[in-house]
C-alpha atoms as a PDB file:
ATOM      1  CA  MET A   1      -3.171  -1.116  14.176  1.00  0.00           C
ATOM      2  CA  LYS A   2      -2.268   1.856  12.013  1.00  0.00           C
ATOM      3  CA  ILE A   3      -0.629   1.404   8.619  1.00  0.00           C
ATOM      4  CA  ARG A   4       0.632   4.048   6.210  1.00  0.00           C
ATOM      5  CA  VAL A   5       0.220   3.398   2.487  1.00  0.00           C
ATOM      6  CA  TYR A   6       3.587   3.515   0.727  1.00  0.00           C
ATOM      7  CA  TYR A   7       4.437   3.741  -2.958  1.00  0.00           C
ATOM      8  CA  GLU A   8       5.222   0.004  -3.040  1.00  0.00           C
ATOM      9  CA  ASP A   9       1.614  -0.704  -1.925  1.00  0.00           C
ATOM     10  CA  THR A  10       0.038   0.997  -4.914  1.00  0.00           C
ATOM     11  CA  ASP A  11      -0.537   0.475  -8.601  1.00  0.00           C
ATOM     12  CA  ALA A  12       0.525   2.931 -11.314  1.00  0.00           C
ATOM     13  CA  GLY A  13      -2.410   5.194 -10.415  1.00  0.00           C
ATOM     14  CA  GLY A  14      -1.468   5.501  -6.741  1.00  0.00           C
ATOM     15  CA  ILE A  15      -4.343   3.250  -5.597  1.00  0.00           C
ATOM     16  CA  VAL A  16      -3.695   0.436  -3.111  1.00  0.00           C
ATOM     17  CA  TYR A  17      -3.373  -2.877  -4.939  1.00  0.00           C
ATOM     18  CA  HIS A  18      -6.226  -5.192  -3.887  1.00  0.00           C
ATOM     19  CA  ALA A  19      -4.037  -7.975  -2.418  1.00  0.00           C
ATOM     20  CA  ASN A  20      -2.416  -5.520  -0.017  1.00  0.00           C
ATOM     21  CA  TYR A  21      -5.629  -5.150   2.006  1.00  0.00           C
ATOM     22  CA  ILE A  22      -5.287  -8.852   2.851  1.00  0.00           C
ATOM     23  CA  LYS A  23      -1.608  -8.304   3.745  1.00  0.00           C
ATOM     24  CA  TYR A  24      -2.571  -5.433   6.049  1.00  0.00           C
ATOM     25  CA  CYS A  25      -5.045  -7.711   7.826  1.00  0.00           C
ATOM     26  CA  GLU A  26      -2.426 -10.451   8.159  1.00  0.00           C
ATOM     27  CA  ARG A  27      -0.019  -7.945   9.660  1.00  0.00           C
ATOM     28  CA  ALA A  28      -2.666  -6.782  12.137  1.00  0.00           C
ATOM     29  CA  ARG A  29      -3.412 -10.376  13.215  1.00  0.00           C
ATOM     30  CA  SER A  30       0.291 -10.994  13.808  1.00  0.00           C
ATOM     31  CA  GLU A  31       0.552  -7.771  15.781  1.00  0.00           C
ATOM     32  CA  VAL A  32      -2.134  -9.002  18.209  1.00  0.00           C
ATOM     33  CA  PHE A  33       0.221 -11.844  19.166  1.00  0.00           C
ATOM     34  CA  PHE A  34       3.294  -9.623  19.410  1.00  0.00           C
ATOM     35  CA  GLU A  35       1.458  -7.083  21.606  1.00  0.00           C
ATOM     36  CA  ASN A  36       0.748  -9.971  24.004  1.00  0.00           C
ATOM     37  CA  ASP A  37       4.392 -11.150  24.019  1.00  0.00           C
ATOM     38  CA  LEU A  38       3.386 -14.266  22.058  1.00  0.00           C
ATOM     39  CA  SER A  39       4.141 -15.673  18.633  1.00  0.00           C
ATOM     40  CA  PRO A  40       1.562 -16.918  16.092  1.00  0.00           C
ATOM     41  CA  GLU A  41       3.711 -20.075  16.082  1.00  0.00           C
ATOM     42  CA  MET A  42       3.887 -22.290  19.174  1.00  0.00           C
ATOM     43  CA  ASN A  43       5.831 -25.555  19.460  1.00  0.00           C
ATOM     44  CA  GLY A  44       5.946 -25.922  15.688  1.00  0.00           C
ATOM     45  CA  CYS A  45       2.184 -25.361  15.334  1.00  0.00           C
ATOM     46  CA  HIS A  46       0.693 -22.310  13.667  1.00  0.00           C
ATOM     47  CA  PHE A  47      -2.450 -20.770  12.164  1.00  0.00           C
ATOM     48  CA  VAL A  48      -3.349 -21.164   8.496  1.00  0.00           C
ATOM     49  CA  ALA A  49      -6.077 -19.458   6.496  1.00  0.00           C
ATOM     50  CA  GLY A  50      -8.949 -21.799   5.706  1.00  0.00           C
ATOM     51  CA  SER A  51     -11.335 -19.394   4.007  1.00  0.00           C
ATOM     52  CA  MET A  52     -11.947 -15.700   3.608  1.00  0.00           C
ATOM     53  CA  THR A  53     -14.605 -13.398   2.269  1.00  0.00           C
ATOM     54  CA  CYS A  54     -13.534  -9.903   1.289  1.00  0.00           C
ATOM     55  CA  LYS A  55     -15.570  -6.804   0.607  1.00  0.00           C
ATOM     56  CA  PHE A  56     -13.799  -3.916  -1.117  1.00  0.00           C
ATOM     57  CA  ILE A  57     -15.773  -0.766  -0.323  1.00  0.00           C
ATOM     58  CA  LYS A  58     -13.541   2.170  -1.213  1.00  0.00           C
ATOM     59  CA  SER A  59      -9.931   2.625  -2.347  1.00  0.00           C
ATOM     60  CA  ALA A  60      -7.031   3.843  -0.277  1.00  0.00           C
ATOM     61  CA  LYS A  61      -4.292   5.927  -1.864  1.00  0.00           C
ATOM     62  CA  LEU A  62      -0.609   6.675  -1.517  1.00  0.00           C
ATOM     63  CA  GLY A  63       0.120   8.383   1.814  1.00  0.00           C
ATOM     64  CA  ASP A  64      -3.155   7.445   3.513  1.00  0.00           C
ATOM     65  CA  ILE A  65      -3.047   6.229   7.099  1.00  0.00           C
ATOM     66  CA  LEU A  66      -5.286   3.227   7.615  1.00  0.00           C
ATOM     67  CA  GLU A  67      -6.477   1.545  10.784  1.00  0.00           C
ATOM     68  CA  VAL A  68      -7.075  -2.205  10.905  1.00  0.00           C
ATOM     69  CA  LYS A  69      -9.418  -3.545  13.588  1.00  0.00           C
ATOM     70  CA  THR A  70      -9.780  -7.242  14.385  1.00  0.00           C
ATOM     71  CA  GLU A  71     -12.853  -8.754  16.030  1.00  0.00           C
ATOM     72  CA  LEU A  72     -13.389 -12.346  17.134  1.00  0.00           C
ATOM     73  CA  LEU A  73     -16.672 -13.756  15.804  1.00  0.00           C
ATOM     74  CA  GLU A  74     -16.269 -17.425  16.679  1.00  0.00           C
ATOM     75  CA  ASN A  75     -13.821 -19.243  18.949  1.00  0.00           C
ATOM     76  CA  LYS A  76     -13.678 -23.019  18.469  1.00  0.00           C
ATOM     77  CA  ASN A  77     -11.215 -25.677  19.620  1.00  0.00           C
ATOM     78  CA  VAL A  78      -9.249 -25.789  16.354  1.00  0.00           C
ATOM     79  CA  SER A  79     -10.301 -22.619  14.523  1.00  0.00           C
ATOM     80  CA  LEU A  80     -11.141 -18.954  14.899  1.00  0.00           C
ATOM     81  CA  LEU A  81     -13.484 -16.846  12.790  1.00  0.00           C
ATOM     82  CA  LEU A  82     -12.316 -13.235  12.684  1.00  0.00           C
ATOM     83  CA  LYS A  83     -13.752 -10.082  11.169  1.00  0.00           C
ATOM     84  CA  GLN A  84     -11.166  -7.549  10.113  1.00  0.00           C
ATOM     85  CA  THR A  85     -12.106  -4.058   9.047  1.00  0.00           C
ATOM     86  CA  ILE A  86      -9.898  -1.386   7.534  1.00  0.00           C
ATOM     87  CA  PHE A  87     -10.803   2.232   8.120  1.00  0.00           C
ATOM     88  CA  LEU A  88      -9.641   5.454   6.497  1.00  0.00           C
ATOM     89  CA  LYS A  89     -10.446   8.439   8.733  1.00  0.00           C
ATOM     90  CA  ASP A  90     -13.242   6.520  10.510  1.00  0.00           C
ATOM     91  CA  GLU A  91     -14.761   5.408   7.179  1.00  0.00           C
ATOM     92  CA  LYS A  92     -14.881   1.679   6.500  1.00  0.00           C
ATOM     93  CA  ILE A  93     -13.113   0.908   3.216  1.00  0.00           C
ATOM     94  CA  PHE A  94     -12.496  -2.857   3.441  1.00  0.00           C
ATOM     95  CA  GLU A  95     -13.983  -5.745   5.381  1.00  0.00           C
ATOM     96  CA  MET A  96     -12.931  -9.361   5.579  1.00  0.00           C
ATOM     97  CA  GLU A  97     -14.065 -12.447   7.448  1.00  0.00           C
ATOM     98  CA  ILE A  98     -11.341 -15.036   7.755  1.00  0.00           C
ATOM     99  CA  LYS A  99     -11.433 -18.482   9.269  1.00  0.00           C
ATOM    100  CA  VAL A 100      -8.057 -19.649  10.521  1.00  0.00           C
ATOM    101  CA  GLY A 101      -7.253 -23.154  11.669  1.00  0.00           C
ATOM    102  CA  PHE A 102      -4.419 -24.305  13.893  1.00  0.00           C
ATOM    103  CA  VAL A 103      -2.151 -26.989  12.437  1.00  0.00           C
ATOM    104  CA  ASP A 104       0.858 -28.993  13.612  1.00  0.00           C
ATOM    105  CA  LYS A 105       4.184 -29.462  11.766  1.00  0.00           C
ATOM    106  CA  SER A 106       2.648 -32.037   9.416  1.00  0.00           C
ATOM    107  CA  GLY A 107      -0.320 -29.802   8.554  1.00  0.00           C
ATOM    108  CA  LYS A 108      -2.813 -31.767  10.651  1.00  0.00           C
ATOM    109  CA  ILE A 109      -5.502 -29.719  12.418  1.00  0.00           C
ATOM    110  CA  THR A 110      -4.812 -29.556  16.152  1.00  0.00           C
ATOM    111  CA  LYS A 111      -6.280 -27.906  19.243  1.00  0.00           C
ATOM    112  CA  ILE A 112      -5.441 -24.240  19.786  1.00  0.00           C
ATOM    113  CA  PRO A 113      -3.536 -23.678  23.053  1.00  0.00           C
ATOM    114  CA  GLN A 114      -5.631 -21.719  25.553  1.00  0.00           C
ATOM    115  CA  GLU A 115      -3.169 -18.823  25.749  1.00  0.00           C
ATOM    116  CA  LEU A 116      -3.519 -18.279  21.990  1.00  0.00           C
ATOM    117  CA  LYS A 117      -7.324 -18.699  21.977  1.00  0.00           C
ATOM    118  CA  THR A 118      -7.926 -15.877  24.419  1.00  0.00           C
ATOM    119  CA  ILE A 119      -5.844 -13.084  22.881  1.00  0.00           C
ATOM    120  CA  PHE A 120      -8.553 -12.074  20.373  1.00  0.00           C
ATOM    121  CA  GLU A 121     -11.286 -11.852  23.021  1.00  0.00           C
END
């Protein structure tokens, strides 16, 4: 997924604010569902972040066009481990591993429906 860096994404120096890299990854994960005519929410159940490890490699700046790639590392019954990488002109500038769990309306961990499990493969 391609994302352009806008003024609202940057600090006073025109550098992307660190939390926005995580937002870009969240947007890319959601887009995977939308591209498959699905929603990240199904029957009141949805994914929640359980843990993440981020590596900030290089800064992006106002006007840059970034590409976010999502890779499935681990596919379990109630959770997924994903690696998301942000590139600027084919150069890796950010990398994150995120474990997401699937929860019901009350917040209890529940089994991921098969149609949602397979979209990251």
